[in-house]
Amino acid sequence: SSGINAEYGDLCSLVPGVDRFSFSVVWEMTGDGKVLSTKFGKSLISSCAKLHYAHAQDMIEAPDREFGKEDLPEIYNGFTARDLAWRINVLHRIAQVFRAGRKEKGSISIQQCKLSFALNETRDMPLGLGSYKSKESNKLIEEFMLKANESVATKLYECYPGNAILRRH
């Protein structure tokens, strides 16, 4: 294996139950997604689970479902599946508000077809091909990434108005 992962392992990855230093955008916001304040700074992150999009999607589609230990990866830091489902659904509702606000301001949605491949055991030959459809869990992450990018761009413009280049999404 080559690249940064070979040299540093998971040092730059969020690993459940392991503290990681970060530089974060932290928002204080209302339940309907109105940002009251934005802070930037060094932080310590301790992820409680390594969920796949499918896990989050299941929690969005069935918010009251009781997930068993066999349904999810191990959960750390005293959290439960119920805690995760509640938080994912709060974030999902806020992401929907963000998306509606962006659309109202004239953003466009580029829905490109994404291909997925089934590979053989040695991962060197494709066995099949399919298309990947973006779901609400993907859109949740996308909206918060866009909000973080927007916050950083706004801060850069405030601090360096003569040097910042902004692009509207």
C-alpha atoms as a PDB file:
ATOM      1  CA  SER A   1       0.000   0.000   0.000  1.00  0.00           C
ATOM      2  CA  SER A   2       1.261   3.487  -0.742  1.00  0.00           C
ATOM      3  CA  GLY A   3       0.496   7.051   0.223  1.00  0.00           C
ATOM      4  CA  ILE A   4      -0.342   8.667   3.507  1.00  0.00           C
ATOM      5  CA  ASN A   5      -2.359   5.722   4.855  1.00  0.00           C
ATOM      6  CA  ALA A   6       0.619   3.392   4.533  1.00  0.00           C
ATOM      7  CA  GLU A   7       2.877   5.818   6.391  1.00  0.00           C
ATOM      8  CA  TYR A   8       0.490   7.014   9.089  1.00  0.00           C
ATOM      9  CA  GLY A   9      -2.206   4.333   9.234  1.00  0.00           C
ATOM     10  CA  ASP A  10      -5.480   5.753  10.508  1.00  0.00           C
ATOM     11  CA  LEU A  11      -3.863   8.822  12.080  1.00  0.00           C
ATOM     12  CA  CYS A  12      -5.946  11.165   9.915  1.00  0.00           C
ATOM     13  CA  SER A  13      -9.148   9.113  10.121  1.00  0.00           C
ATOM     14  CA  LEU A  14     -11.921   9.279  12.664  1.00  0.00           C
ATOM     15  CA  VAL A  15     -11.721   6.029  14.581  1.00  0.00           C
ATOM     16  CA  PRO A  16     -14.539   5.301  17.036  1.00  0.00           C
ATOM     17  CA  GLY A  17     -13.484   5.752  20.652  1.00  0.00           C
ATOM     18  CA  VAL A  18     -10.148   7.363  19.704  1.00  0.00           C
ATOM     19  CA  ASP A  19      -9.464  11.053  20.296  1.00  0.00           C
ATOM     20  CA  ARG A  20      -8.434  13.036  17.220  1.00  0.00           C
ATOM     21  CA  PHE A  21      -7.291  16.626  17.034  1.00  0.00           C
ATOM     22  CA  SER A  22      -9.101  18.721  14.475  1.00  0.00           C
ATOM     23  CA  PHE A  23      -9.768  22.247  13.341  1.00  0.00           C
ATOM     24  CA  SER A  24     -13.528  22.615  13.398  1.00  0.00           C
ATOM     25  CA  VAL A  25     -16.373  24.862  12.370  1.00  0.00           C
ATOM     26  CA  VAL A  26     -18.843  24.871  15.264  1.00  0.00           C
ATOM     27  CA  TRP A  27     -22.308  26.312  14.875  1.00  0.00           C
ATOM     28  CA  GLU A  28     -24.872  27.236  17.463  1.00  0.00           C
ATOM     29  CA  MET A  29     -28.194  26.901  15.677  1.00  0.00           C
ATOM     30  CA  THR A  30     -31.888  26.585  16.228  1.00  0.00           C
ATOM     31  CA  GLY A  31     -33.754  23.336  15.670  1.00  0.00           C
ATOM     32  CA  ASP A  32     -34.803  24.595  12.251  1.00  0.00           C
ATOM     33  CA  GLY A  33     -31.234  25.256  11.123  1.00  0.00           C
ATOM     34  CA  LYS A  34     -30.928  29.009  11.683  1.00  0.00           C
ATOM     35  CA  VAL A  35     -27.272  29.644  12.515  1.00  0.00           C
ATOM     36  CA  LEU A  36     -27.001  31.849  15.601  1.00  0.00           C
ATOM     37  CA  SER A  37     -23.216  31.878  15.841  1.00  0.00           C
ATOM     38  CA  THR A  38     -20.214  30.338  14.133  1.00  0.00           C
ATOM     39  CA  LYS A  39     -16.870  29.571  15.751  1.00  0.00           C
ATOM     40  CA  PHE A  40     -13.662  28.231  14.283  1.00  0.00           C
ATOM     41  CA  GLY A  41     -11.014  26.544  16.352  1.00  0.00           C
ATOM     42  CA  LYS A  42      -8.944  23.636  17.443  1.00  0.00           C
ATOM     43  CA  SER A  43     -10.994  20.751  18.795  1.00  0.00           C
ATOM     44  CA  LEU A  44     -10.807  17.206  20.018  1.00  0.00           C
ATOM     45  CA  ILE A  45     -13.154  14.724  18.329  1.00  0.00           C
ATOM     46  CA  SER A  46     -14.013  11.306  19.702  1.00  0.00           C
ATOM     47  CA  SER A  47     -16.301   9.551  17.258  1.00  0.00           C
ATOM     48  CA  CYS A  48     -18.820   7.177  18.801  1.00  0.00           C
ATOM     49  CA  ALA A  49     -19.413   4.935  15.754  1.00  0.00           C
ATOM     50  CA  LYS A  50     -18.242   4.277  12.219  1.00  0.00           C
ATOM     51  CA  LEU A  51     -21.546   4.204  10.387  1.00  0.00           C
ATOM     52  CA  HIS A  52     -21.964   3.591   6.687  1.00  0.00           C
ATOM     53  CA  TYR A  53     -24.424   5.638   4.663  1.00  0.00           C
ATOM     54  CA  ALA A  54     -26.743   2.607   4.691  1.00  0.00           C
ATOM     55  CA  HIS A  55     -26.882   2.649   8.507  1.00  0.00           C
ATOM     56  CA  ALA A  56     -27.797   6.339   8.579  1.00  0.00           C
ATOM     57  CA  GLN A  57     -30.314   5.774   5.778  1.00  0.00           C
ATOM     58  CA  ASP A  58     -31.980   3.008   7.792  1.00  0.00           C
ATOM     59  CA  MET A  59     -32.267   5.398  10.748  1.00  0.00           C
ATOM     60  CA  ILE A  60     -33.793   8.101   8.541  1.00  0.00           C
ATOM     61  CA  GLU A  61     -36.279   5.715   6.944  1.00  0.00           C
ATOM     62  CA  ALA A  62     -37.252   4.032  10.253  1.00  0.00           C
ATOM     63  CA  PRO A  63     -36.540   6.578  13.030  1.00  0.00           C
ATOM     64  CA  ASP A  64     -38.396   4.548  15.692  1.00  0.00           C
ATOM     65  CA  ARG A  65     -36.795   1.213  14.837  1.00  0.00           C
ATOM     66  CA  GLU A  66     -34.989  -0.547  17.664  1.00  0.00           C
ATOM     67  CA  PHE A  67     -31.575  -1.418  16.252  1.00  0.00           C
ATOM     68  CA  GLY A  68     -29.859  -4.454  17.720  1.00  0.00           C
ATOM     69  CA  LYS A  69     -26.125  -4.920  18.188  1.00  0.00           C
ATOM     70  CA  GLU A  70     -26.040  -7.035  15.016  1.00  0.00           C
ATOM     71  CA  ASP A  71     -27.514  -4.159  12.969  1.00  0.00           C
ATOM     72  CA  LEU A  72     -24.753  -1.601  13.593  1.00  0.00           C
ATOM     73  CA  PRO A  73     -21.026  -1.385  14.169  1.00  0.00           C
ATOM     74  CA  GLU A  74     -19.848  -1.111  17.774  1.00  0.00           C
ATOM     75  CA  ILE A  75     -20.943   2.114  19.507  1.00  0.00           C
ATOM     76  CA  TYR A  76     -18.557   3.861  21.919  1.00  0.00           C
ATOM     77  CA  ASN A  77     -18.496   6.640  24.529  1.00  0.00           C
ATOM     78  CA  GLY A  78     -21.741   5.652  26.258  1.00  0.00           C
ATOM     79  CA  PHE A  79     -23.986   6.303  23.256  1.00  0.00           C
ATOM     80  CA  THR A  80     -26.771   3.961  22.164  1.00  0.00           C
ATOM     81  CA  ALA A  81     -28.335   3.177  18.803  1.00  0.00           C
ATOM     82  CA  ARG A  82     -31.362   5.222  19.918  1.00  0.00           C
ATOM     83  CA  ASP A  83     -29.051   8.229  20.602  1.00  0.00           C
ATOM     84  CA  LEU A  84     -27.533   7.921  17.141  1.00  0.00           C
ATOM     85  CA  ALA A  85     -30.905   7.585  15.400  1.00  0.00           C
ATOM     86  CA  TRP A  86     -32.256  10.658  17.205  1.00  0.00           C
ATOM     87  CA  ARG A  87     -29.185  12.766  16.310  1.00  0.00           C
ATOM     88  CA  ILE A  88     -29.150  11.604  12.685  1.00  0.00           C
ATOM     89  CA  ASN A  89     -32.804  12.538  12.314  1.00  0.00           C
ATOM     90  CA  VAL A  90     -32.285  15.980  13.864  1.00  0.00           C
ATOM     91  CA  LEU A  91     -29.392  16.570  11.452  1.00  0.00           C
ATOM     92  CA  HIS A  92     -31.484  15.217   8.590  1.00  0.00           C
ATOM     93  CA  ARG A  93     -34.282  17.730   9.282  1.00  0.00           C
ATOM     94  CA  ILE A  94     -31.761  20.580   9.445  1.00  0.00           C
ATOM     95  CA  ALA A  95     -30.092  19.395   6.212  1.00  0.00           C
ATOM     96  CA  GLN A  96     -33.475  19.500   4.495  1.00  0.00           C
ATOM     97  CA  VAL A  97     -33.888  23.130   5.634  1.00  0.00           C
ATOM     98  CA  PHE A  98     -30.397  23.958   4.336  1.00  0.00           C
ATOM     99  CA  ARG A  99     -31.163  22.328   0.973  1.00  0.00           C
ATOM    100  CA  ALA A 100     -34.508  24.131   0.634  1.00  0.00           C
ATOM    101  CA  GLY A 101     -32.798  27.434   1.456  1.00  0.00           C
ATOM    102  CA  ARG A 102     -30.110  26.863  -1.154  1.00  0.00           C
ATOM    103  CA  LYS A 103     -32.709  25.989  -3.785  1.00  0.00           C
ATOM    104  CA  GLU A 104     -34.720  29.079  -2.865  1.00  0.00           C
ATOM    105  CA  LYS A 105     -31.577  31.173  -3.480  1.00  0.00           C
ATOM    106  CA  GLY A 106     -31.224  29.630  -6.938  1.00  0.00           C
ATOM    107  CA  SER A 107     -28.723  26.831  -6.458  1.00  0.00           C
ATOM    108  CA  ILE A 108     -28.713  24.148  -9.089  1.00  0.00           C
ATOM    109  CA  SER A 109     -28.626  20.427  -8.507  1.00  0.00           C
ATOM    110  CA  ILE A 110     -26.343  18.402 -10.709  1.00  0.00           C
ATOM    111  CA  GLN A 111     -27.381  14.786 -10.387  1.00  0.00           C
ATOM    112  CA  GLN A 112     -24.691  12.824 -12.181  1.00  0.00           C
ATOM    113  CA  CYS A 113     -24.932   9.105 -12.515  1.00  0.00           C
ATOM    114  CA  LYS A 114     -22.399   7.430 -10.236  1.00  0.00           C
ATOM    115  CA  LEU A 115     -21.161   4.013 -11.172  1.00  0.00           C
ATOM    116  CA  SER A 116     -20.353   1.231  -8.752  1.00  0.00           C
ATOM    117  CA  PHE A 117     -18.353  -1.895  -9.471  1.00  0.00           C
ATOM    118  CA  ALA A 118     -18.463  -5.335  -7.915  1.00  0.00           C
ATOM    119  CA  LEU A 119     -14.896  -6.643  -7.811  1.00  0.00           C
ATOM    120  CA  ASN A 120     -13.557 -10.165  -7.581  1.00  0.00           C
ATOM    121  CA  GLU A 121     -11.864 -11.467  -4.426  1.00  0.00           C
ATOM    122  CA  THR A 122      -8.449 -10.083  -5.387  1.00  0.00           C
ATOM    123  CA  ARG A 123     -10.078  -6.752  -6.280  1.00  0.00           C
ATOM    124  CA  ASP A 124      -8.379  -6.595  -9.648  1.00  0.00           C
ATOM    125  CA  MET A 125     -11.220  -7.500 -12.002  1.00  0.00           C
ATOM    126  CA  PRO A 126     -14.774  -6.209 -12.119  1.00  0.00           C
ATOM    127  CA  LEU A 127     -17.544  -8.775 -11.855  1.00  0.00           C
ATOM    128  CA  GLY A 128     -20.390  -6.396 -12.436  1.00  0.00           C
ATOM    129  CA  LEU A 129     -21.446  -2.808 -12.873  1.00  0.00           C
ATOM    130  CA  GLY A 130     -24.314  -0.824 -11.430  1.00  0.00           C
ATOM    131  CA  SER A 131     -25.437   2.708 -10.734  1.00  0.00           C
ATOM    132  CA  TYR A 132     -25.366   4.317  -7.312  1.00  0.00           C
ATOM    133  CA  LYS A 133     -28.330   6.454  -6.328  1.00  0.00           C
ATOM    134  CA  SER A 134     -27.717   9.254  -3.836  1.00  0.00           C
ATOM    135  CA  LYS A 135     -30.027   8.909  -0.829  1.00  0.00           C
ATOM    136  CA  GLU A 136     -31.032  11.180   2.025  1.00  0.00           C
ATOM    137  CA  SER A 137     -28.062  10.073   4.160  1.00  0.00           C
ATOM    138  CA  ASN A 138     -25.688  11.181   1.363  1.00  0.00           C
ATOM    139  CA  LYS A 139     -27.522  14.488   1.061  1.00  0.00           C
ATOM    140  CA  LEU A 140     -27.324  15.026   4.835  1.00  0.00           C
ATOM    141  CA  ILE A 141     -23.519  14.865   4.733  1.00  0.00           C
ATOM    142  CA  GLU A 142     -23.388  16.948   1.560  1.00  0.00           C
ATOM    143  CA  GLU A 143     -25.449  19.764   3.104  1.00  0.00           C
ATOM    144  CA  PHE A 144     -23.292  20.014   6.213  1.00  0.00           C
ATOM    145  CA  MET A 145     -20.106  19.928   4.109  1.00  0.00           C
ATOM    146  CA  LEU A 146     -21.495  22.766   1.987  1.00  0.00           C
ATOM    147  CA  LYS A 147     -22.476  24.709   5.125  1.00  0.00           C
ATOM    148  CA  ALA A 148     -18.946  24.289   6.533  1.00  0.00           C
ATOM    149  CA  ASN A 149     -17.408  25.392   3.219  1.00  0.00           C
ATOM    150  CA  GLU A 150     -19.731  28.404   3.119  1.00  0.00           C
ATOM    151  CA  SER A 151     -18.807  29.347   6.698  1.00  0.00           C
ATOM    152  CA  VAL A 152     -15.083  29.106   5.972  1.00  0.00           C
ATOM    153  CA  ALA A 153     -15.434  31.113   2.745  1.00  0.00           C
ATOM    154  CA  THR A 154     -17.386  33.828   4.561  1.00  0.00           C
ATOM    155  CA  LYS A 155     -14.734  34.000   7.300  1.00  0.00           C
ATOM    156  CA  LEU A 156     -11.943  34.207   4.725  1.00  0.00           C
ATOM    157  CA  TYR A 157     -13.773  37.015   2.951  1.00  0.00           C
ATOM    158  CA  GLU A 158     -14.306  38.883   6.238  1.00  0.00           C
ATOM    159  CA  CYS A 159     -10.618  38.574   7.164  1.00  0.00           C
ATOM    160  CA  TYR A 160      -9.096  38.990   3.690  1.00  0.00           C
ATOM    161  CA  PRO A 161     -11.642  40.873   1.539  1.00  0.00           C
ATOM    162  CA  GLY A 162      -9.067  41.903  -1.066  1.00  0.00           C
ATOM    163  CA  ASN A 163      -7.709  38.384  -1.518  1.00  0.00           C
ATOM    164  CA  ALA A 164     -10.684  36.065  -1.143  1.00  0.00           C
ATOM    165  CA  ILE A 165     -12.417  34.568  -4.148  1.00  0.00           C
ATOM    166  CA  LEU A 166     -15.929  33.299  -3.493  1.00  0.00           C
ATOM    167  CA  ARG A 167     -17.956  30.967  -5.635  1.00  0.00           C
ATOM    168  CA  ARG A 168     -21.711  30.616  -5.165  1.00  0.00           C
ATOM    169  CA  HIS A 169     -23.201  27.121  -4.964  1.00  0.00           C
END
